[in-house]
Amino acid sequence: MAYAIPDQITAANKAGIETLLTLANTVFASTERLAALNLNVARSAIEDSVSSAKGLFGVKDPQELIGYQSSLTQPAVEKAVSYSRSLYEIASQTQEEVGKVFEAQFAELNKTVSAALEQAAKNAPAGSDVAVAAMKSAMAAATSAYDSVAKAVKQVTEMTEANVAAATNATVKAAGAATPKSKKVAA
């Protein structure tokens, strides 16, 4: 029995380190994806700027300039929307992976505390049944609260995803509708 406690502490420390490593790897992978996305967007922006500048040199009159500017609007909006979607996807996946780690940690903590309560109940002196029952009740309430919060977070995430998708589609449609109007004005 005397050796059980140090073994439990060692196991808990090992599990904690593994969790930290998992979280660190998740954050590094997300940061790497974000850096790659930003580098690609920067490269594309430079290429688009050069292409736009070259196209601008070919413009001969003001109406052609207006038409040229209008032709740049839709692709720029689509690229901005694509970038926003990619950012949201990276953030969403990172949040999901971190959530899974915390969910697993909570489940393990719940299991450990339940086992400790059972052990305490077996070794508890007579008359301490009420205290053990109160601890079990508190643990059940904490588990229920965690489950409710996890469910609420999932619902908020789903609503956010739906709202982001709707806003993105509306932005692309609005930009698409605005571009032809600009061309009509120029003509």
Protein backbone atom coordinates (compact mmCIF):
# COMPACT_ATOMS: atom_id res chain seq x y z
CA MET A 1 0.00 0.00 0.00
CA ALA A 2 2.86 2.41 0.76
CA TYR A 3 4.23 1.97 -2.76
CA ALA A 4 0.87 2.48 -4.47
CA ILE A 5 0.85 6.24 -3.88
CA PRO A 6 4.29 6.94 -5.47
CA ASP A 7 3.34 4.69 -8.38
CA GLN A 8 0.12 6.62 -8.83
CA ILE A 9 1.99 9.92 -8.71
CA THR A 10 4.52 8.66 -11.26
CA ALA A 11 1.75 7.46 -13.55
CA ALA A 12 -0.10 10.76 -13.20
CA ASN A 13 3.06 12.72 -14.00
CA LYS A 14 3.75 10.55 -17.04
CA ALA A 15 0.18 11.02 -18.28
CA GLY A 16 0.46 14.77 -17.72
CA ILE A 17 3.67 14.97 -19.73
CA GLU A 18 2.13 12.92 -22.55
CA THR A 19 -0.87 15.25 -22.58
CA LEU A 20 1.39 18.31 -22.74
CA LEU A 21 3.34 16.76 -25.61
CA THR A 22 0.11 16.00 -27.45
CA LEU A 23 -1.08 19.57 -26.97
CA ALA A 24 2.31 20.98 -28.03
CA ASN A 25 2.34 18.83 -31.17
CA THR A 26 -1.21 19.93 -32.00
CA VAL A 27 -0.31 23.59 -31.59
CA PHE A 28 2.91 23.22 -33.61
CA ALA A 29 1.08 21.42 -36.42
CA SER A 30 -1.58 24.13 -36.51
CA THR A 31 1.04 26.86 -36.45
CA GLU A 32 2.87 25.15 -39.29
CA ARG A 33 -0.34 24.95 -41.34
CA LEU A 34 -1.09 28.60 -40.59
CA ALA A 35 2.42 29.69 -41.61
CA ALA A 36 2.17 27.71 -44.86
CA LEU A 37 -1.23 29.26 -45.59
CA ASN A 38 0.08 32.76 -44.94
CA LEU A 39 3.16 32.21 -47.10
CA ASN A 40 1.01 30.92 -49.95
CA VAL A 41 -1.36 33.87 -49.63
CA ALA A 42 1.56 36.31 -49.57
CA ARG A 43 3.11 34.67 -52.65
CA SER A 44 -0.22 34.79 -54.46
CA ALA A 45 -0.76 38.42 -53.48
CA ILE A 46 2.63 39.38 -54.91
CA GLU A 47 1.89 37.49 -58.13
CA ASP A 48 -1.54 39.12 -58.38
CA SER A 49 -0.05 42.57 -57.78
CA VAL A 50 2.51 42.08 -60.54
CA SER A 51 -0.18 40.77 -62.89
CA SER A 52 -2.49 43.68 -62.04
CA ALA A 53 0.28 46.20 -62.57
CA LYS A 54 1.09 44.69 -65.96
CA GLY A 55 -2.59 44.77 -66.89
CA LEU A 56 -2.88 48.37 -65.74
CA PHE A 57 -0.09 49.40 -68.09
CA GLY A 58 -2.20 48.10 -70.98
CA VAL A 59 -5.21 50.30 -70.13
CA LYS A 60 -5.74 53.04 -72.71
CA ASP A 61 -8.78 55.04 -71.54
CA PRO A 62 -10.84 55.70 -68.36
CA GLN A 63 -13.70 53.35 -69.31
CA GLU A 64 -11.25 50.52 -69.89
CA LEU A 65 -9.72 51.33 -66.49
CA ILE A 66 -13.13 51.02 -64.78
CA GLY A 67 -13.77 47.71 -66.53
CA TYR A 68 -10.32 46.46 -65.57
CA GLN A 69 -10.84 47.40 -61.92
CA SER A 70 -14.22 45.65 -61.92
CA SER A 71 -12.63 42.49 -63.30
CA LEU A 72 -10.28 42.41 -60.30
CA THR A 73 -13.01 42.64 -57.65
CA GLN A 74 -14.55 39.16 -57.86
CA PRO A 75 -11.26 37.21 -57.78
CA ALA A 76 -10.04 39.33 -54.85
CA VAL A 77 -13.21 38.66 -52.86
CA GLU A 78 -13.06 34.95 -53.66
CA LYS A 79 -9.44 34.77 -52.50
CA ALA A 80 -10.26 36.62 -49.29
CA VAL A 81 -13.17 34.28 -48.63
CA SER A 82 -10.99 31.25 -49.38
CA TYR A 83 -8.35 32.53 -46.96
CA SER A 84 -10.99 33.09 -44.27
CA ARG A 85 -12.34 29.58 -44.79
CA SER A 86 -8.86 28.11 -44.49
CA LEU A 87 -8.17 30.08 -41.31
CA TYR A 88 -11.48 28.97 -39.84
CA GLU A 89 -10.78 25.36 -40.80
CA ILE A 90 -7.37 25.40 -39.10
CA ALA A 91 -8.79 27.00 -35.97
CA SER A 92 -11.76 24.64 -35.90
CA GLN A 93 -9.63 21.52 -36.32
CA THR A 94 -7.20 22.70 -33.66
CA GLN A 95 -10.04 23.40 -31.26
CA GLU A 96 -11.49 19.96 -31.96
CA GLU A 97 -8.17 18.20 -31.32
CA VAL A 98 -7.53 20.15 -28.11
CA GLY A 99 -11.10 19.42 -27.02
CA LYS A 100 -10.53 15.69 -27.51
CA VAL A 101 -7.41 15.84 -25.33
CA PHE A 102 -9.28 17.62 -22.55
CA GLU A 103 -12.22 15.26 -22.89
CA ALA A 104 -9.89 12.28 -22.47
CA GLN A 105 -8.22 13.96 -19.48
CA PHE A 106 -11.59 14.60 -17.86
CA ALA A 107 -12.67 11.01 -18.43
CA GLU A 108 -9.42 9.74 -16.89
CA LEU A 109 -9.77 12.11 -13.93
CA ASN A 110 -13.35 11.00 -13.46
CA LYS A 111 -12.26 7.35 -13.52
CA THR A 112 -9.44 7.97 -11.05
CA VAL A 113 -11.60 9.93 -8.63
CA SER A 114 -14.35 7.31 -8.83
CA ALA A 115 -11.84 4.55 -8.07
CA ALA A 116 -10.45 6.57 -5.16
CA LEU A 117 -13.96 7.13 -3.82
CA GLU A 118 -14.71 3.42 -4.05
CA GLN A 119 -11.47 2.63 -2.23
CA ALA A 120 -12.25 5.25 0.40
CA ALA A 121 -15.75 3.82 0.83
CA LYS A 122 -14.30 0.36 1.45
CA ASN A 123 -11.83 1.63 4.04
CA ALA A 124 -14.02 4.32 5.57
CA PRO A 125 -14.95 4.03 9.22
CA ALA A 126 -18.52 3.27 10.16
CA GLY A 127 -20.85 6.24 9.84
CA SER A 128 -18.96 7.91 7.00
CA ASP A 129 -21.39 6.62 4.40
CA VAL A 130 -23.01 10.06 4.19
CA ALA A 131 -19.69 11.77 3.34
CA VAL A 132 -18.85 9.18 0.68
CA ALA A 133 -22.35 9.51 -0.80
CA ALA A 134 -21.96 13.30 -0.85
CA MET A 135 -18.64 12.98 -2.68
CA LYS A 136 -20.17 10.59 -5.22
CA SER A 137 -23.09 12.98 -5.70
CA ALA A 138 -20.69 15.90 -6.22
CA MET A 139 -18.74 13.86 -8.75
CA ALA A 140 -21.92 12.96 -10.62
CA ALA A 141 -22.95 16.63 -10.65
CA ALA A 142 -19.54 17.67 -11.98
CA THR A 143 -19.73 15.04 -14.71
CA SER A 144 -23.23 16.17 -15.64
CA ALA A 145 -22.12 19.82 -15.75
CA TYR A 146 -19.14 18.92 -17.94
CA ASP A 147 -21.39 16.97 -20.31
CA SER A 148 -23.79 19.94 -20.52
CA VAL A 149 -20.96 22.36 -21.27
CA ALA A 150 -19.48 20.02 -23.88
CA LYS A 151 -22.89 19.72 -25.55
CA ALA A 152 -23.36 23.50 -25.52
CA VAL A 153 -19.90 24.06 -27.01
CA LYS A 154 -20.68 21.57 -29.77
CA GLN A 155 -23.96 23.35 -30.55
CA VAL A 156 -22.25 26.75 -30.63
CA THR A 157 -19.55 25.35 -32.92
CA GLU A 158 -22.15 23.93 -35.30
CA MET A 159 -24.07 27.23 -35.33
CA THR A 160 -20.87 29.17 -35.94
CA GLU A 161 -19.94 26.89 -38.84
CA ALA A 162 -23.39 27.38 -40.39
CA ASN A 163 -23.21 31.15 -39.92
CA VAL A 164 -19.71 31.34 -41.40
CA ALA A 165 -20.83 29.31 -44.41
CA ALA A 166 -23.91 31.50 -44.91
CA ALA A 167 -21.92 34.74 -44.57
CA THR A 168 -19.27 33.45 -46.95
CA ASN A 169 -21.84 32.51 -49.58
CA ALA A 170 -23.60 35.86 -49.19
CA THR A 171 -20.29 37.73 -49.59
CA VAL A 172 -19.35 35.83 -52.73
CA LYS A 173 -22.82 36.36 -54.22
CA ALA A 174 -22.79 40.06 -53.35
CA ALA A 175 -19.38 40.52 -54.93
CA GLY A 176 -20.49 38.61 -58.00
CA ALA A 177 -23.62 40.71 -58.31
CA ALA A 178 -21.68 43.96 -57.85
CA THR A 179 -19.12 43.18 -60.55
CA PRO A 180 -21.53 43.04 -63.51
CA LYS A 181 -23.22 46.28 -62.36
CA SER A 182 -19.88 48.04 -62.41
CA LYS A 183 -19.27 46.81 -65.93
CA LYS A 184 -22.71 48.09 -67.03
CA VAL A 185 -21.96 51.51 -65.58
CA ALA A 186 -18.67 51.59 -67.45
CA ALA A 187 -20.28 50.69 -70.77
